[in-house]
Protein backbone atom coordinates (compact mmCIF):
# COMPACT_ATOMS: atom_id res chain seq x y z
CA MET A 1 51.38 -75.63 -69.67
CA HIS A 2 51.41 -72.20 -71.25
CA LEU A 3 49.06 -69.38 -70.37
CA ASN A 4 47.50 -69.54 -73.84
CA THR A 5 46.60 -73.20 -73.29
CA VAL A 6 44.93 -72.41 -69.94
CA PHE A 7 42.83 -69.60 -71.45
CA HIS A 8 41.98 -71.75 -74.46
CA SER A 9 40.73 -74.58 -72.22
CA LEU A 10 38.68 -72.15 -70.09
CA PHE A 11 36.92 -70.67 -73.10
CA THR A 12 36.38 -73.83 -75.16
CA THR A 13 35.33 -76.55 -72.67
CA LEU A 14 32.15 -76.84 -70.63
CA HIS A 15 34.17 -77.30 -67.46
CA GLY A 16 36.18 -74.15 -68.23
CA PHE A 17 33.02 -72.21 -69.06
CA LEU A 18 31.45 -73.18 -65.71
CA ILE A 19 34.57 -72.06 -63.85
CA LEU A 20 34.52 -68.69 -65.66
CA LEU A 21 30.80 -68.36 -64.94
CA LEU A 22 31.27 -69.01 -61.21
CA VAL A 23 34.22 -66.62 -61.01
CA SER A 24 32.21 -63.94 -62.84
CA ILE A 25 29.17 -64.39 -60.59
CA SER A 26 31.41 -64.25 -57.51
CA LEU A 27 33.00 -61.01 -58.70
CA VAL A 28 29.63 -59.41 -59.44
CA VAL A 29 28.18 -60.45 -56.07
CA GLY A 30 31.32 -59.27 -54.26
CA TYR A 31 31.18 -55.92 -56.01
CA ALA A 32 27.46 -55.54 -55.24
CA ILE A 33 28.03 -56.27 -51.54
CA PHE A 34 30.94 -53.83 -51.41
CA SER A 35 28.86 -51.17 -53.19
CA LEU A 36 25.93 -51.61 -50.78
CA GLN A 37 28.26 -51.37 -47.81
CA GLN A 38 29.80 -48.20 -49.20
CA MET A 39 26.34 -46.73 -49.89
CA ASN A 40 25.35 -47.56 -46.31
CA VAL A 41 28.45 -45.77 -44.98
CA ASP A 42 27.69 -42.72 -47.14
CA ALA A 43 23.97 -42.66 -46.23
CA ARG A 44 24.62 -43.16 -42.50
CA GLY A 45 27.20 -40.35 -42.61
CA PHE A 46 24.67 -38.06 -44.29
CA VAL A 47 21.99 -38.87 -41.69
CA ASN A 48 24.32 -38.46 -38.71
CA THR A 49 25.79 -35.17 -39.94
CA THR A 50 22.44 -33.73 -41.02
CA MET A 51 20.39 -34.80 -38.00
CA LEU A 52 23.04 -33.79 -35.47
CA GLY A 53 23.24 -30.34 -37.04
CA LEU A 54 19.46 -29.99 -37.08
CA PHE A 55 19.07 -31.28 -33.50
CA VAL A 56 21.63 -28.79 -32.18
CA GLU A 57 19.65 -25.91 -33.63
CA TRP A 58 16.48 -26.82 -35.50
CA ASP A 59 15.71 -24.59 -38.42
CA ASN A 60 12.84 -25.36 -40.81
CA GLN A 61 14.65 -23.91 -43.81
CA ASP A 62 17.77 -25.99 -43.10
CA PHE A 63 15.57 -29.08 -42.84
CA MET A 64 13.89 -28.28 -46.15
CA ARG A 65 17.28 -27.90 -47.82
CA TYR A 66 17.94 -31.60 -47.10
CA THR A 67 14.55 -32.91 -48.26
CA SER A 68 13.52 -34.41 -51.59
CA ASP A 69 11.50 -32.40 -54.09
CA GLU A 70 8.46 -34.60 -53.39
CA LEU A 71 8.64 -34.17 -49.60
CA ARG A 72 9.18 -30.43 -49.98
CA GLN A 73 6.00 -30.20 -52.11
CA ASN A 74 3.89 -32.39 -49.80
CA LEU A 75 4.96 -30.99 -46.42
CA THR A 76 2.47 -28.37 -45.28
CA LYS A 77 3.37 -25.20 -43.38
CA GLU A 78 1.34 -26.51 -40.43
CA GLU A 79 3.29 -29.80 -40.33
CA LEU A 80 6.56 -27.93 -40.52
CA GLU A 81 5.51 -25.54 -37.76
CA ASN A 82 4.48 -28.52 -35.58
CA ILE A 83 8.00 -29.97 -35.92
CA ASN A 84 9.44 -26.57 -35.00
CA VAL A 85 7.26 -26.36 -31.87
CA VAL A 86 8.39 -29.83 -30.79
CA PHE A 87 12.05 -28.79 -30.96
CA ILE A 88 11.37 -25.53 -29.13
CA ARG A 89 9.72 -27.49 -26.31
CA LEU A 90 12.46 -30.16 -26.27
CA GLY A 91 15.09 -27.50 -25.66
CA GLU A 92 18.85 -28.04 -25.82
CA LEU A 93 20.34 -31.25 -27.22
CA LEU A 94 22.01 -33.37 -24.54
CA ASN A 95 22.95 -36.53 -26.44
CA TYR A 96 22.67 -37.73 -30.03
CA HIS A 97 22.53 -41.53 -30.05
CA GLY A 98 23.33 -42.05 -33.74
CA ALA A 99 21.61 -43.62 -36.75
CA TYR A 100 20.77 -47.31 -37.01
CA GLY A 101 19.53 -48.85 -40.24
CA ALA A 102 20.59 -49.92 -43.71
CA VAL A 103 20.29 -49.50 -47.46
CA PHE A 104 17.74 -51.71 -49.19
CA GLN A 105 15.74 -52.08 -52.38
CA SER A 106 12.84 -49.67 -52.79
CA PRO A 107 9.34 -51.14 -52.60
CA ARG A 108 8.34 -48.74 -55.41
CA ALA A 109 10.95 -49.69 -58.00
CA TRP A 110 13.31 -52.70 -58.01
CA TRP A 111 16.17 -50.66 -59.52
CA GLN A 112 16.01 -47.92 -56.87
CA LEU A 113 17.74 -48.13 -53.50
CA VAL A 114 16.59 -46.36 -50.35
CA ALA A 115 18.16 -46.03 -46.94
CA ARG A 116 16.13 -46.06 -43.74
CA TYR A 117 17.56 -45.11 -40.37
CA LYS A 118 16.24 -44.71 -36.86
CA VAL A 119 17.79 -41.74 -35.05
CA GLN A 120 17.40 -41.00 -31.36
CA ALA A 121 18.33 -37.99 -29.27
CA SER A 122 17.95 -36.82 -25.69
CA PHE A 123 17.10 -33.20 -24.99
CA GLN A 124 16.72 -31.17 -21.81
CA GLY A 125 12.96 -31.40 -22.17
CA GLY A 126 12.51 -34.95 -23.47
CA GLN A 127 13.33 -37.68 -25.96
CA PHE A 128 13.05 -37.62 -29.75
CA VAL A 129 13.02 -40.57 -32.16
CA ALA A 130 12.75 -40.32 -35.94
CA ILE A 131 12.65 -42.74 -38.82
CA VAL A 132 14.47 -41.04 -41.68
CA THR A 133 14.13 -42.52 -45.16
CA LEU A 134 16.69 -41.35 -47.69
CA ILE A 135 16.52 -41.51 -51.46
CA LYS A 136 19.03 -40.61 -54.13
CA GLN A 137 18.11 -37.44 -55.98
CA GLN A 138 20.46 -36.14 -58.67
CA GLY A 139 23.22 -38.35 -57.25
CA ASP A 140 22.90 -37.11 -53.64
CA TRP A 141 21.13 -38.53 -50.59
CA VAL A 142 18.10 -36.48 -49.53
CA ILE A 143 15.36 -37.03 -46.96
CA GLY A 144 12.42 -38.65 -48.71
CA ARG A 145 10.38 -39.30 -45.58
CA PHE A 146 10.60 -38.07 -42.00
CA GLU A 147 8.48 -39.74 -39.30
CA TYR A 148 8.96 -38.85 -35.66
CA GLN A 149 7.83 -39.41 -32.08
CA TYR A 150 8.71 -37.48 -28.96
CA ALA A 151 8.14 -37.55 -25.22
CA PHE A 152 8.40 -34.45 -23.07
CA PHE A 153 9.86 -34.63 -19.56
CA PRO A 154 8.32 -32.58 -16.76
CA GLN A 155 9.74 -29.06 -16.86
CA LYS A 156 10.28 -28.80 -13.09
CA PRO A 157 11.46 -32.07 -11.59
CA HIS A 158 10.97 -32.53 -7.86
CA PRO A 159 14.04 -34.39 -6.61
CA GLY A 160 13.52 -36.67 -3.64
CA SER A 161 9.79 -37.05 -4.06
CA LEU A 162 7.46 -39.11 -6.16
CA ARG A 163 4.47 -37.42 -7.71
CA MET A 164 1.60 -38.93 -9.62
CA VAL A 165 0.42 -36.86 -12.53
CA LEU A 166 -3.03 -37.57 -13.94
CA ASN A 167 -4.00 -36.30 -17.33
CA ASN A 168 -7.72 -35.60 -17.54
């Protein structure tokens, strides 16, 4: 059987058409999965590099450089200063625990992908956890949303004793 006969039977019979259709769908799905995995690697790399750099030495202007146009416009000076105060009180970075999350379809638009990651870090003065949502802007990942929580540790621990602290 010649190659021409095989191609002819694939393109002219229903059975051949179904085989081509399944192969085509498999290739498209495989490519989509590979692309999503690659986007996840790229987005996670961006988050880890950016957050680690910011956690080592927080700087509001550096943070703003990595944000989307929309976040930059909506973030008030007071909100930005509050984040700065948190990092001043947290002190020196002890351990960055990495980013955990994935790339998924945006709830706003079916054709747009977003990446959402949870990042955690330990500092001399406490713990910090953020949910960082990335979007593509002009072909690059940028921070579209930044939500955070923190817990401060006591500044002067008393080793060897237990103390109850009541907040009134």
